[in-house]
Structures are given as structure tokens and as C-alpha cells.
Amino acid sequence: MARAFELHTPLMWLSKAATWQLAHD
């Protein structure tokens, strides 16, 4: 598409427990 897209995956290296913690943070 000749557009510098950036795909963000903030949970990529988090466990589900860490995902709950991220929500709390």
C-alpha cells in the first residue's frame, strides 16, 4: 500500500496473568 504501517501487539510476550496486570496498570 506504499504506507509505512506499524502493527502494534502489546500483548505478544505477556501471559494471561500479565495481561490482567496490564489492564490494572
mmCIF file of all heavy atoms, coordinates in Angstrom:
data_MODEL
# 
_entry.id   MODEL 
# 
loop_
_atom_site.group_PDB 
_atom_site.id 
_atom_site.type_symbol 
_atom_site.label_atom_id 
_atom_site.label_alt_id 
_atom_site.label_comp_id 
_atom_site.label_asym_id 
_atom_site.label_entity_id 
_atom_site.label_seq_id 
_atom_site.pdbx_PDB_ins_code 
_atom_site.Cartn_x 
_atom_site.Cartn_y 
_atom_site.Cartn_z 
_atom_site.occupancy 
_atom_site.B_iso_or_equiv 
_atom_site.pdbx_formal_charge 
_atom_site.auth_seq_id 
_atom_site.auth_comp_id 
_atom_site.auth_asym_id 
_atom_site.auth_atom_id 
_atom_site.pdbx_PDB_model_num 
ATOM 1   N N   . MET A 1 1  ? 0.813   -1.215  0.000  1.00 0.00 ? 1  MET A N   1 
ATOM 2   C CA  . MET A 1 1  ? 0.000   0.000   0.000  1.00 0.00 ? 1  MET A CA  1 
ATOM 3   C C   . MET A 1 1  ? 0.848   1.267   0.000  1.00 0.00 ? 1  MET A C   1 
ATOM 4   O O   . MET A 1 1  ? 0.296   2.371   0.074  1.00 0.00 ? 1  MET A O   1 
ATOM 5   C CB  . MET A 1 1  ? -0.950  0.006   1.202  1.00 0.00 ? 1  MET A CB  1 
ATOM 6   C CG  . MET A 1 1  ? -1.931  -1.148  1.200  1.00 0.00 ? 1  MET A CG  1 
ATOM 7   S SD  . MET A 1 1  ? -3.213  -0.968  2.468  1.00 0.00 ? 1  MET A SD  1 
ATOM 8   C CE  . MET A 1 1  ? -3.768  -2.669  2.627  1.00 0.00 ? 1  MET A CE  1 
ATOM 9   N N   . ALA A 1 2  ? 2.171   1.101   -0.058 1.00 0.00 ? 2  ALA A N   1 
ATOM 10  C CA  . ALA A 1 2  ? 3.082   2.249   -0.049 1.00 0.00 ? 2  ALA A CA  1 
ATOM 11  C C   . ALA A 1 2  ? 2.772   3.187   1.116  1.00 0.00 ? 2  ALA A C   1 
ATOM 12  O O   . ALA A 1 2  ? 2.701   4.400   0.974  1.00 0.00 ? 2  ALA A O   1 
ATOM 13  C CB  . ALA A 1 2  ? 3.024   3.002   -1.384 1.00 0.00 ? 2  ALA A CB  1 
ATOM 14  N N   . ARG A 1 3  ? 2.569   2.589   2.278  1.00 0.00 ? 3  ARG A N   1 
ATOM 15  C CA  . ARG A 1 3  ? 2.264   3.323   3.506  1.00 0.00 ? 3  ARG A CA  1 
ATOM 16  C C   . ARG A 1 3  ? 3.030   2.659   4.639  1.00 0.00 ? 3  ARG A C   1 
ATOM 17  O O   . ARG A 1 3  ? 2.966   1.423   4.765  1.00 0.00 ? 3  ARG A O   1 
ATOM 18  C CB  . ARG A 1 3  ? 0.754   3.276   3.781  1.00 0.00 ? 3  ARG A CB  1 
ATOM 19  C CG  . ARG A 1 3  ? 0.281   3.889   5.087  1.00 0.00 ? 3  ARG A CG  1 
ATOM 20  C CD  . ARG A 1 3  ? 0.343   5.401   5.100  1.00 0.00 ? 3  ARG A CD  1 
ATOM 21  N NE  . ARG A 1 3  ? -0.346  6.017   3.990  1.00 0.00 ? 3  ARG A NE  1 
ATOM 22  C CZ  . ARG A 1 3  ? -1.674  6.232   3.916  1.00 0.00 ? 3  ARG A CZ  1 
ATOM 23  N NH1 . ARG A 1 3  ? -2.464  5.833   4.902  1.00 0.00 ? 3  ARG A NH1 1 
ATOM 24  N NH2 . ARG A 1 3  ? -2.198  6.841   2.864  1.00 0.00 ? 3  ARG A NH2 1 
ATOM 25  N N   . ALA A 1 4  ? 3.744   3.406   5.428  1.00 0.00 ? 4  ALA A N   1 
ATOM 26  C CA  . ALA A 1 4  ? 4.573   2.827   6.491  1.00 0.00 ? 4  ALA A CA  1 
ATOM 27  C C   . ALA A 1 4  ? 3.719   2.443   7.688  1.00 0.00 ? 4  ALA A C   1 
ATOM 28  O O   . ALA A 1 4  ? 3.706   3.121   8.734  1.00 0.00 ? 4  ALA A O   1 
ATOM 29  C CB  . ALA A 1 4  ? 5.660   3.813   6.906  1.00 0.00 ? 4  ALA A CB  1 
ATOM 30  N N   . PHE A 1 5  ? 2.952   1.345   7.560  1.00 0.00 ? 5  PHE A N   1 
ATOM 31  C CA  . PHE A 1 5  ? 2.120   0.883   8.664  1.00 0.00 ? 5  PHE A CA  1 
ATOM 32  C C   . PHE A 1 5  ? 2.994   0.356   9.798  1.00 0.00 ? 5  PHE A C   1 
ATOM 33  O O   . PHE A 1 5  ? 4.068   -0.204  9.585  1.00 0.00 ? 5  PHE A O   1 
ATOM 34  C CB  . PHE A 1 5  ? 1.195   -0.247  8.199  1.00 0.00 ? 5  PHE A CB  1 
ATOM 35  C CG  . PHE A 1 5  ? 0.088   0.193   7.300  1.00 0.00 ? 5  PHE A CG  1 
ATOM 36  C CD1 . PHE A 1 5  ? 0.060   -0.214  5.966  1.00 0.00 ? 5  PHE A CD1 1 
ATOM 37  C CD2 . PHE A 1 5  ? -0.928  1.004   7.766  1.00 0.00 ? 5  PHE A CD2 1 
ATOM 38  C CE1 . PHE A 1 5  ? -0.957  0.190   5.131  1.00 0.00 ? 5  PHE A CE1 1 
ATOM 39  C CE2 . PHE A 1 5  ? -1.951  1.416   6.927  1.00 0.00 ? 5  PHE A CE2 1 
ATOM 40  C CZ  . PHE A 1 5  ? -1.971  1.008   5.606  1.00 0.00 ? 5  PHE A CZ  1 
ATOM 41  N N   . GLU A 1 6  ? 2.494   0.532   11.016 1.00 0.00 ? 6  GLU A N   1 
ATOM 42  C CA  . GLU A 1 6  ? 3.133   -0.076  12.178 1.00 0.00 ? 6  GLU A CA  1 
ATOM 43  C C   . GLU A 1 6  ? 2.087   -0.896  12.911 1.00 0.00 ? 6  GLU A C   1 
ATOM 44  O O   . GLU A 1 6  ? 1.074   -0.363  13.370 1.00 0.00 ? 6  GLU A O   1 
ATOM 45  C CB  . GLU A 1 6  ? 3.718   0.996   13.100 1.00 0.00 ? 6  GLU A CB  1 
ATOM 46  C CG  . GLU A 1 6  ? 4.563   0.411   14.217 1.00 0.00 ? 6  GLU A CG  1 
ATOM 47  C CD  . GLU A 1 6  ? 5.394   1.437   14.959 1.00 0.00 ? 6  GLU A CD  1 
ATOM 48  O OE1 . GLU A 1 6  ? 5.476   2.595   14.487 1.00 0.00 ? 6  GLU A OE1 1 
ATOM 49  O OE2 . GLU A 1 6  ? 5.954   1.081   16.011 1.00 0.00 ? 6  GLU A OE2 1 
ATOM 50  N N   . LEU A 1 7  ? 2.321   -2.204  12.987 1.00 0.00 ? 7  LEU A N   1 
ATOM 51  C CA  . LEU A 1 7  ? 1.403   -3.105  13.671 1.00 0.00 ? 7  LEU A CA  1 
ATOM 52  C C   . LEU A 1 7  ? 1.891   -3.300  15.100 1.00 0.00 ? 7  LEU A C   1 
ATOM 53  O O   . LEU A 1 7  ? 2.972   -3.858  15.325 1.00 0.00 ? 7  LEU A O   1 
ATOM 54  C CB  . LEU A 1 7  ? 1.330   -4.454  12.950 1.00 0.00 ? 7  LEU A CB  1 
ATOM 55  C CG  . LEU A 1 7  ? 0.956   -4.422  11.461 1.00 0.00 ? 7  LEU A CG  1 
ATOM 56  C CD1 . LEU A 1 7  ? 0.798   -5.847  10.929 1.00 0.00 ? 7  LEU A CD1 1 
ATOM 57  C CD2 . LEU A 1 7  ? -0.316  -3.621  11.224 1.00 0.00 ? 7  LEU A CD2 1 
ATOM 58  N N   . HIS A 1 8  ? 1.107   -2.841  16.055 1.00 0.00 ? 8  HIS A N   1 
ATOM 59  C CA  . HIS A 1 8  ? 1.463   -2.937  17.465 1.00 0.00 ? 8  HIS A CA  1 
ATOM 60  C C   . HIS A 1 8  ? 0.779   -4.148  18.091 1.00 0.00 ? 8  HIS A C   1 
ATOM 61  O O   . HIS A 1 8  ? -0.433  -4.326  17.934 1.00 0.00 ? 8  HIS A O   1 
ATOM 62  C CB  . HIS A 1 8  ? 1.020   -1.684  18.222 1.00 0.00 ? 8  HIS A CB  1 
ATOM 63  C CG  . HIS A 1 8  ? 1.605   -0.408  17.699 1.00 0.00 ? 8  HIS A CG  1 
ATOM 64  N ND1 . HIS A 1 8  ? 2.784   0.119   18.178 1.00 0.00 ? 8  HIS A ND1 1 
ATOM 65  C CD2 . HIS A 1 8  ? 1.170   0.449   16.734 1.00 0.00 ? 8  HIS A CD2 1 
ATOM 66  C CE1 . HIS A 1 8  ? 3.053   1.247   17.544 1.00 0.00 ? 8  HIS A CE1 1 
ATOM 67  N NE2 . HIS A 1 8  ? 2.094   1.470   16.662 1.00 0.00 ? 8  HIS A NE2 1 
ATOM 68  N N   . THR A 1 9  ? 1.531   -4.953  18.806 1.00 0.00 ? 9  THR A N   1 
ATOM 69  C CA  . THR A 1 9  ? 0.974   -6.121  19.505 1.00 0.00 ? 9  THR A CA  1 
ATOM 70  C C   . THR A 1 9  ? 1.453   -6.081  20.957 1.00 0.00 ? 9  THR A C   1 
ATOM 71  O O   . THR A 1 9  ? 2.377   -6.799  21.339 1.00 0.00 ? 9  THR A O   1 
ATOM 72  C CB  . THR A 1 9  ? 1.411   -7.432  18.829 1.00 0.00 ? 9  THR A CB  1 
ATOM 73  O OG1 . THR A 1 9  ? 2.855   -7.431  18.692 1.00 0.00 ? 9  THR A OG1 1 
ATOM 74  C CG2 . THR A 1 9  ? 0.784   -7.575  17.449 1.00 0.00 ? 9  THR A CG2 1 
ATOM 75  N N   . PRO A 1 10 ? 0.839   -5.246  21.784 1.00 0.00 ? 10 PRO A N   1 
ATOM 76  C CA  . PRO A 1 10 ? 1.330   -5.041  23.154 1.00 0.00 ? 10 PRO A CA  1 
ATOM 77  C C   . PRO A 1 10 ? 1.249   -6.270  24.043 1.00 0.00 ? 10 PRO A C   1 
ATOM 78  O O   . PRO A 1 10 ? 1.909   -6.312  25.093 1.00 0.00 ? 10 PRO A O   1 
ATOM 79  C CB  . PRO A 1 10 ? 0.437   -3.911  23.685 1.00 0.00 ? 10 PRO A CB  1 
ATOM 80  C CG  . PRO A 1 10 ? -0.769  -3.907  22.809 1.00 0.00 ? 10 PRO A CG  1 
ATOM 81  C CD  . PRO A 1 10 ? -0.300  -4.363  21.464 1.00 0.00 ? 10 PRO A CD  1 
ATOM 82  N N   . LEU A 1 11 ? 0.482   -7.290  23.634 1.00 0.00 ? 11 LEU A N   1 
ATOM 83  C CA  . LEU A 1 11 ? 0.339   -8.493  24.463 1.00 0.00 ? 11 LEU A CA  1 
ATOM 84  C C   . LEU A 1 11 ? 1.221   -9.633  23.986 1.00 0.00 ? 11 LEU A C   1 
ATOM 85  O O   . LEU A 1 11 ? 1.189   -10.722 24.582 1.00 0.00 ? 11 LEU A O   1 
ATOM 86  C CB  . LEU A 1 11 ? -1.124  -8.967  24.456 1.00 0.00 ? 11 LEU A CB  1 
ATOM 87  C CG  . LEU A 1 11 ? -2.208  -7.931  24.755 1.00 0.00 ? 11 LEU A CG  1 
ATOM 88  C CD1 . LEU A 1 11 ? -3.565  -8.609  24.812 1.00 0.00 ? 11 LEU A CD1 1 
ATOM 89  C CD2 . LEU A 1 11 ? -1.918  -7.167  26.029 1.00 0.00 ? 11 LEU A CD2 1 
ATOM 90  N N   . MET A 1 12 ? 2.015   -9.414  22.955 1.00 0.00 ? 12 MET A N   1 
ATOM 91  C CA  . MET A 1 12 ? 2.725   -10.503 22.286 1.00 0.00 ? 12 MET A CA  1 
ATOM 92  C C   . MET A 1 12 ? 3.511   -11.391 23.245 1.00 0.00 ? 12 MET A C   1 
ATOM 93  O O   . MET A 1 12 ? 3.518   -12.608 23.122 1.00 0.00 ? 12 MET A O   1 
ATOM 94  C CB  . MET A 1 12 ? 3.650   -9.930  21.206 1.00 0.00 ? 12 MET A CB  1 
ATOM 95  C CG  . MET A 1 12 ? 4.414   -10.986 20.418 1.00 0.00 ? 12 MET A CG  1 
ATOM 96  S SD  . MET A 1 12 ? 3.350   -12.209 19.577 1.00 0.00 ? 12 MET A SD  1 
ATOM 97  C CE  . MET A 1 12 ? 2.655   -11.188 18.258 1.00 0.00 ? 12 MET A CE  1 
ATOM 98  N N   . TRP A 1 13 ? 4.188   -10.793 24.204 1.00 0.00 ? 13 TRP A N   1 
ATOM 99  C CA  . TRP A 1 13 ? 5.055   -11.578 25.089 1.00 0.00 ? 13 TRP A CA  1 
ATOM 100 C C   . TRP A 1 13 ? 4.510   -11.637 26.520 1.00 0.00 ? 13 TRP A C   1 
ATOM 101 O O   . TRP A 1 13 ? 5.258   -11.918 27.458 1.00 0.00 ? 13 TRP A O   1 
ATOM 102 C CB  . TRP A 1 13 ? 6.471   -10.996 25.082 1.00 0.00 ? 13 TRP A CB  1 
ATOM 103 C CG  . TRP A 1 13 ? 7.015   -10.850 23.700 1.00 0.00 ? 13 TRP A CG  1 
ATOM 104 C CD1 . TRP A 1 13 ? 7.333   -9.694  23.040 1.00 0.00 ? 13 TRP A CD1 1 
ATOM 105 C CD2 . TRP A 1 13 ? 7.279   -11.911 22.762 1.00 0.00 ? 13 TRP A CD2 1 
ATOM 106 N NE1 . TRP A 1 13 ? 7.775   -9.966  21.776 1.00 0.00 ? 13 TRP A NE1 1 
ATOM 107 C CE2 . TRP A 1 13 ? 7.767   -11.295 21.568 1.00 0.00 ? 13 TRP A CE2 1 
ATOM 108 C CE3 . TRP A 1 13 ? 7.167   -13.295 22.818 1.00 0.00 ? 13 TRP A CE3 1 
ATOM 109 C CZ2 . TRP A 1 13 ? 8.117   -12.051 20.444 1.00 0.00 ? 13 TRP A CZ2 1 
ATOM 110 C CZ3 . TRP A 1 13 ? 7.525   -14.039 21.698 1.00 0.00 ? 13 TRP A CZ3 1 
ATOM 111 C CH2 . TRP A 1 13 ? 7.993   -13.428 20.533 1.00 0.00 ? 13 TRP A CH2 1 
ATOM 112 N N   . LEU A 1 14 ? 3.211   -11.389 26.678 1.00 0.00 ? 14 LEU A N   1 
ATOM 113 C CA  . LEU A 1 14 ? 2.603   -11.413 28.008 1.00 0.00 ? 14 LEU A CA  1 
ATOM 114 C C   . LEU A 1 14 ? 1.811   -12.699 28.229 1.00 0.00 ? 14 LEU A C   1 
ATOM 115 O O   . LEU A 1 14 ? 1.128   -13.191 27.329 1.00 0.00 ? 14 LEU A O   1 
ATOM 116 C CB  . LEU A 1 14 ? 1.661   -10.219 28.194 1.00 0.00 ? 14 LEU A CB  1 
ATOM 117 C CG  . LEU A 1 14 ? 2.262   -8.815  28.090 1.00 0.00 ? 14 LEU A CG  1 
ATOM 118 C CD1 . LEU A 1 14 ? 1.195   -7.780  28.424 1.00 0.00 ? 14 LEU A CD1 1 
ATOM 119 C CD2 . LEU A 1 14 ? 3.468   -8.658  28.993 1.00 0.00 ? 14 LEU A CD2 1 
ATOM 120 N N   . SER A 1 15 ? 1.874   -13.221 29.453 1.00 0.00 ? 15 SER A N   1 
ATOM 121 C CA  . SER A 1 15 ? 0.974   -14.295 29.845 1.00 0.00 ? 15 SER A CA  1 
ATOM 122 C C   . SER A 1 15 ? -0.402  -13.689 30.087 1.00 0.00 ? 15 SER A C   1 
ATOM 123 O O   . SER A 1 15 ? -0.554  -12.460 30.162 1.00 0.00 ? 15 SER A O   1 
ATOM 124 C CB  . SER A 1 15 ? 1.475   -14.962 31.122 1.00 0.00 ? 15 SER A CB  1 
ATOM 125 O OG  . SER A 1 15 ? 1.395   -14.042 32.210 1.00 0.00 ? 15 SER A OG  1 
ATOM 126 N N   . LYS A 1 16 ? -1.412  -14.545 30.236 1.00 0.00 ? 16 LYS A N   1 
ATOM 127 C CA  . LYS A 1 16 ? -2.744  -14.024 30.533 1.00 0.00 ? 16 LYS A CA  1 
ATOM 128 C C   . LYS A 1 16 ? -2.764  -13.320 31.887 1.00 0.00 ? 16 LYS A C   1 
ATOM 129 O O   . LYS A 1 16 ? -3.473  -12.329 32.073 1.00 0.00 ? 16 LYS A O   1 
ATOM 130 C CB  . LYS A 1 16 ? -3.776  -15.150 30.503 1.00 0.00 ? 16 LYS A CB  1 
ATOM 131 C CG  . LYS A 1 16 ? -4.364  -15.414 29.130 1.00 0.00 ? 16 LYS A CG  1 
ATOM 132 C CD  . LYS A 1 16 ? -5.237  -14.257 28.682 1.00 0.00 ? 16 LYS A CD  1 
ATOM 133 C CE  . LYS A 1 16 ? -5.906  -14.525 27.350 1.00 0.00 ? 16 LYS A CE  1 
ATOM 134 N NZ  . LYS A 1 16 ? -4.969  -14.387 26.214 1.00 0.00 ? 16 LYS A NZ  1 
ATOM 135 N N   . ALA A 1 17 ? -1.982  -13.821 32.836 1.00 0.00 ? 17 ALA A N   1 
ATOM 136 C CA  . ALA A 1 17 ? -1.903  -13.138 34.134 1.00 0.00 ? 17 ALA A CA  1 
ATOM 137 C C   . ALA A 1 17 ? -1.317  -11.747 33.962 1.00 0.00 ? 17 ALA A C   1 
ATOM 138 O O   . ALA A 1 17 ? -1.791  -10.774 34.560 1.00 0.00 ? 17 ALA A O   1 
ATOM 139 C CB  . ALA A 1 17 ? -1.044  -13.961 35.100 1.00 0.00 ? 17 ALA A CB  1 
ATOM 140 N N   . ALA A 1 18 ? -0.289  -11.646 33.121 1.00 0.00 ? 18 ALA A N   1 
ATOM 141 C CA  . ALA A 1 18 ? 0.330   -10.338 32.880 1.00 0.00 ? 18 ALA A CA  1 
ATOM 142 C C   . ALA A 1 18 ? -0.615  -9.415  32.127 1.00 0.00 ? 18 ALA A C   1 
ATOM 143 O O   . ALA A 1 18 ? -0.552  -8.193  32.284 1.00 0.00 ? 18 ALA A O   1 
ATOM 144 C CB  . ALA A 1 18 ? 1.634   -10.522 32.109 1.00 0.00 ? 18 ALA A CB  1 
ATOM 145 N N   . THR A 1 19 ? -1.503  -9.982  31.317 1.00 0.00 ? 19 THR A N   1 
ATOM 146 C CA  . THR A 1 19 ? -2.498  -9.161  30.615 1.00 0.00 ? 19 THR A CA  1 
ATOM 147 C C   . THR A 1 19 ? -3.494  -8.564  31.604 1.00 0.00 ? 19 THR A C   1 
ATOM 148 O O   . THR A 1 19 ? -3.875  -7.392  31.491 1.00 0.00 ? 19 THR A O   1 
ATOM 149 C CB  . THR A 1 19 ? -3.220  -9.993  29.551 1.00 0.00 ? 19 THR A CB  1 
ATOM 150 O OG1 . THR A 1 19 ? -2.268  -10.446 28.583 1.00 0.00 ? 19 THR A OG1 1 
ATOM 151 C CG2 . THR A 1 19 ? -4.291  -9.179  28.839 1.00 0.00 ? 19 THR A CG2 1 
ATOM 152 N N   . TRP A 1 20 ? -3.922  -9.366  32.584 1.00 0.00 ? 20 TRP A N   1 
ATOM 153 C CA  . TRP A 1 20 ? -4.763  -8.814  33.649 1.00 0.00 ? 20 TRP A CA  1 
ATOM 154 C C   . TRP A 1 20 ? -4.020  -7.696  34.376 1.00 0.00 ? 20 TRP A C   1 
ATOM 155 O O   . TRP A 1 20 ? -4.591  -6.647  34.692 1.00 0.00 ? 20 TRP A O   1 
ATOM 156 C CB  . TRP A 1 20 ? -5.148  -9.904  34.653 1.00 0.00 ? 20 TRP A CB  1 
ATOM 157 C CG  . TRP A 1 20 ? -6.228  -10.842 34.225 1.00 0.00 ? 20 TRP A CG  1 
ATOM 158 C CD1 . TRP A 1 20 ? -6.106  -12.175 33.940 1.00 0.00 ? 20 TRP A CD1 1 
ATOM 159 C CD2 . TRP A 1 20 ? -7.625  -10.534 34.058 1.00 0.00 ? 20 TRP A CD2 1 
ATOM 160 N NE1 . TRP A 1 20 ? -7.334  -12.701 33.594 1.00 0.00 ? 20 TRP A NE1 1 
ATOM 161 C CE2 . TRP A 1 20 ? -8.270  -11.729 33.666 1.00 0.00 ? 20 TRP A CE2 1 
ATOM 162 C CE3 . TRP A 1 20 ? -8.366  -9.365  34.205 1.00 0.00 ? 20 TRP A CE3 1 
ATOM 163 C CZ2 . TRP A 1 20 ? -9.646  -11.779 33.420 1.00 0.00 ? 20 TRP A CZ2 1 
ATOM 164 C CZ3 . TRP A 1 20 ? -9.738  -9.414  33.961 1.00 0.00 ? 20 TRP A CZ3 1 
ATOM 165 C CH2 . TRP A 1 20 ? -10.356 -10.613 33.568 1.00 0.00 ? 20 TRP A CH2 1 
ATOM 166 N N   . GLN A 1 21 ? -2.735  -7.914  34.654 1.00 0.00 ? 21 GLN A N   1 
ATOM 167 C CA  . GLN A 1 21 ? -1.954  -6.909  35.362 1.00 0.00 ? 21 GLN A CA  1 
ATOM 168 C C   . GLN A 1 21 ? -1.812  -5.636  34.534 1.00 0.00 ? 21 GLN A C   1 
ATOM 169 O O   . GLN A 1 21 ? -1.858  -4.525  35.073 1.00 0.00 ? 21 GLN A O   1 
ATOM 170 C CB  . GLN A 1 21 ? -0.570  -7.465  35.713 1.00 0.00 ? 21 GLN A CB  1 
ATOM 171 C CG  . GLN A 1 21 ? 0.291   -6.513  36.529 1.00 0.00 ? 21 GLN A CG  1 
ATOM 172 C CD  . GLN A 1 21 ? -0.327  -6.153  37.862 1.00 0.00 ? 21 GLN A CD  1 
ATOM 173 O OE1 . GLN A 1 21 ? -0.699  -7.046  38.636 1.00 0.00 ? 21 GLN A OE1 1 
ATOM 174 N NE2 . GLN A 1 21 ? -0.460  -4.857  38.159 1.00 0.00 ? 21 GLN A NE2 1 
ATOM 175 N N   . LEU A 1 22 ? -1.628  -5.794  33.220 1.00 0.00 ? 22 LEU A N   1 
ATOM 176 C CA  . LEU A 1 22 ? -1.523  -4.624  32.350 1.00 0.00 ? 22 LEU A CA  1 
ATOM 177 C C   . LEU A 1 22 ? -2.812  -3.807  32.401 1.00 0.00 ? 22 LEU A C   1 
ATOM 178 O O   . LEU A 1 22 ? -2.775  -2.564  32.460 1.00 0.00 ? 22 LEU A O   1 
ATOM 179 C CB  . LEU A 1 22 ? -1.229  -5.058  30.913 1.00 0.00 ? 22 LEU A CB  1 
ATOM 180 C CG  . LEU A 1 22 ? -1.183  -3.929  29.868 1.00 0.00 ? 22 LEU A CG  1 
ATOM 181 C CD1 . LEU A 1 22 ? -0.115  -2.899  30.214 1.00 0.00 ? 22 LEU A CD1 1 
ATOM 182 C CD2 . LEU A 1 22 ? -0.958  -4.512  28.473 1.00 0.00 ? 22 LEU A CD2 1 
ATOM 183 N N   . ALA A 1 23 ? -3.952  -4.490  32.393 1.00 0.00 ? 23 ALA A N   1 
ATOM 184 C CA  . ALA A 1 23 ? -5.226  -3.774  32.499 1.00 0.00 ? 23 ALA A CA  1 
ATOM 185 C C   . ALA A 1 23 ? -5.289  -2.978  33.801 1.00 0.00 ? 23 ALA A C   1 
ATOM 186 O O   . ALA A 1 23 ? -5.728  -1.824  33.817 1.00 0.00 ? 23 ALA A O   1 
ATOM 187 C CB  . ALA A 1 23 ? -6.394  -4.765  32.416 1.00 0.00 ? 23 ALA A CB  1 
ATOM 188 N N   . HIS A 1 24 ? -4.814  -3.592  34.883 1.00 0.00 ? 24 HIS A N   1 
ATOM 189 C CA  . HIS A 1 24 ? -4.812  -2.880  36.163 1.00 0.00 ? 24 HIS A CA  1 
ATOM 190 C C   . HIS A 1 24 ? -3.858  -1.693  36.123 1.00 0.00 ? 24 HIS A C   1 
ATOM 191 O O   . HIS A 1 24 ? -4.181  -0.605  36.632 1.00 0.00 ? 24 HIS A O   1 
ATOM 192 C CB  . HIS A 1 24 ? -4.423  -3.828  37.296 1.00 0.00 ? 24 HIS A CB  1 
ATOM 193 C CG  . HIS A 1 24 ? -4.488  -3.204  38.653 1.00 0.00 ? 24 HIS A CG  1 
ATOM 194 N ND1 . HIS A 1 24 ? -3.405  -2.594  39.244 1.00 0.00 ? 24 HIS A ND1 1 
ATOM 195 C CD2 . HIS A 1 24 ? -5.529  -3.067  39.530 1.00 0.00 ? 24 HIS A CD2 1 
ATOM 196 C CE1 . HIS A 1 24 ? -3.760  -2.115  40.422 1.00 0.00 ? 24 HIS A CE1 1 
ATOM 197 N NE2 . HIS A 1 24 ? -5.032  -2.392  40.624 1.00 0.00 ? 24 HIS A NE2 1 
ATOM 198 N N   . ASP A 1 25 ? -2.701  -1.882  35.528 1.00 0.00 ? 25 ASP A N   1 
ATOM 199 C CA  . ASP A 1 25 ? -1.730  -0.782  35.445 1.00 0.00 ? 25 ASP A CA  1 
ATOM 200 C C   . ASP A 1 25 ? -2.285  0.395   34.641 1.00 0.00 ? 25 ASP A C   1 
ATOM 201 O O   . ASP A 1 25 ? -2.004  1.560   34.944 1.00 0.00 ? 25 ASP A O   1 
ATOM 202 C CB  . ASP A 1 25 ? -0.436  -1.272  34.781 1.00 0.00 ? 25 ASP A CB  1 
ATOM 203 C CG  . ASP A 1 25 ? 0.316   -2.286  35.632 1.00 0.00 ? 25 ASP A CG  1 
ATOM 204 O OD1 . ASP A 1 25 ? 0.018   -2.385  36.841 1.00 0.00 ? 25 ASP A OD1 1 
ATOM 205 O OD2 . ASP A 1 25 ? 1.190   -2.990  35.083 1.00 0.00 ? 25 ASP A OD2 1 
# 
